[in-house]
C-alpha cells in the first residue's frame, strides 16, 4: 500500500512517450530532413531549368562560354523575335490552331460523354471502352496513319475517291485544317474523359423537371445539362487549349509540309539546326511558358467557382439515363463513326501498310503482295529498333518507379503534415503541367550543358526530364488515396515508438497501393509513347521507340515504320492488360 501511495500517477500514454522520447524526436528530425531534400530536389528539377531558359533568353552568347554566367543581360533576343514577322506569324498560327483544335475536340468529346453516360444509347459500354483505350496509342502513330489515309501523293482515301469519281487529290492532310482534323480526333478521347465524370454525377431531377414542362431532349441538353456542368466545361476547354498549344507531333509532321509554324516547332527548329540558336529558342520558350502559365492561372480560377454548380446534396440522389427513343440509334451510329475515325481507321491503315513493300491502294494485287518482310527486318536485321524498344522499356519502368516513390513522399507532406513549406511543395509539384515538352527538353539540354555531369546522350537525362514531366499527373493519383488515410494510424505508431521512415514504409505505402499502381502504369505507358522530350534529348545511343518512328518517317521508310508501330501498339496493349489485372488484384474490391 505504501508503495502504491508513493507511486506517481501516470497517464496511459506517458510511459510510452517518456520511454521513447528520444525516438520521437528522431522521426521529426528525419521528416524535416526529408522535406528539405524533397524541396531541394524539386527546385533542381523544376525551377533551375526554367530559370536557365529565362537566363539564356537574356544572353547573346552560347551556354558554356565564359561570359554566359556573368550578370550582364541583354534584350537582343526579344528584339530579334518581336521585330521578326515569323514570330508574329507563329503567334497567330499557335492561337488559331489551339482554339480550333480544342473546340473541335471538346465538341466531339462532349457528345460522346453525353451519349455514353447520360442516355440509353446502345453499345454505350463498348463505345466508352474503345474511346478510353485510344488514349494509350502514341500521337505520332495516329498522325502518320492519317498521312497514309489523306496524303495527296500516297493517301488511300485519295486513291478511292479518284477510282470512284475520277477527281485527283481531293484531300490534303498537309494543311492547316488537316492539322486541326488530326489533333482534334487525337484529343477527343481526353475531352470525353474530362467530361464523363461530370455527366455521370449529375442529378437528373432538373432534367426531369424540364421534360415535364414540355422541353425536348435537345432543348433540355442546351438549357439544363450543359449549364449544370459549366465548371467542368470551362476546365476541359482550358486544359485542351494548353495541351494543343504544347502539341508537337502534329505541327512537326504536318505543319512542316504545310509551312505552318507554331511555337513548338520554332523551338525545335532553332535547337535542331547547326549552329544551335539557343538565345532565339529560349525566347520562344519563354513566350510559350507565359501563354501556358496564363491559361493555367485561368484554369485554377475557374475551378474555384465550382461550388456555385453543386447539385448533389445529402438528399436522395440516383443518376438516371435520358430515354432518347428512336434517336438512340442515331446517337449510336454517330458515336461509332467517331470511334472509327479516332481509333479504327488509323489502326487498320497502319496494320495494312505493315504488310506491304510500298504504299498502294487496297486492291486484290496489293493483298496478294502482302508479306511479313517488314516485321522480319525489324526483329532480325535492325538492332537499332530493338535497342530503342529496350530503351523505352527501361525508361518506362525506371521513371514510373522513381516518380511514384517521390510523389508518395510529396503527398504525405502536403496532406498529412502542418509544415509551412507544404504549400510550396504542392506548387512546385504542379508547375510542370504548364511547361510544354519541347520547352522542358530544351531546358534540360541547357542545364546539362552548364552542369558538369556526363548525362547528355544517355537515358539518364531523358529519365530526369520524364520525372519532371509526369510529376503533376502522378501526384493526383496518390493524393486522392492519401487523403482517405486517417492520421490516427500514424499517431498510434508514433506512440508505440515506431520511427517515421518505418511508419511510412509499413503503413502508408501499403495503404496507398491502389493509387500507386494506377499512377505507376499511367506513367509507364506515357513514358513509352513520349516523343517530344525524347526527340529534343536524343543522341545515337539513347533513342527511344517514338524517336525511331520519327527517324523512319524522315528516311521515308513508311512500311517499316508501320510494322514498328504495330509492334509498339501490341506492347502497349500488353502493358494496359497487365495494368488492369494488377489493379483488379490490389484495388478496392466491391462487395455485393
Foldseek 3Di string as FASTA:
>chain_A
DVVVVPDDDDDPLVVLCVVQVVLLVVQVVVLVVVVVVLVVLLCVLFVQLLVLLVLLLQDPDAQPDPCSPPPDGHNVLVVVLVVDVVNVLQVVLLQVLLQLLLVLLLVLLVLLLCLLQFAPFPPSVVLLVLLLVLLLAFLLLLLLLVCCQQDQPRHQVQVVCCVVPVDGRPGHLLASVVLSVSSSLSCNSVSNVLCNVVSNQDFCPVLVVCVVVPDDDVVSCVPPVCVLCVLSSLLSSLLSSLCSSLDDSSCVPRVVSHVRHHLLVQLVVQCVDPPRPSNNSSVSQVVLLVVLVVSVVVNVVSVVPNVVNDDDDPDDGDRDHDYPDPCSNVSNVVSVVSSCSSPVSSLVSLVLLLQAPDRDHPDPVSVVRGDNVLVCCQVPPDVLLVLQAVLLQCLLQVLLVVLLVSLLSLLCCLQPDDDPCNVVSLVSQQSLSSRRLLSLLSSLVSVCSNDVDPPQQHSVSVSSSLSSNCRNVLNVLQNVQVNPDDCVQVVVCVSNSHRPVVSCVVPVCLSSVLSSLVSSLVSSSCSLSDDNNQVSRHDSNNHHNNVVLVVCVVVVVSNSSSSSSVVSVVVSVVSVVVSVVVSVVRPDDDDD
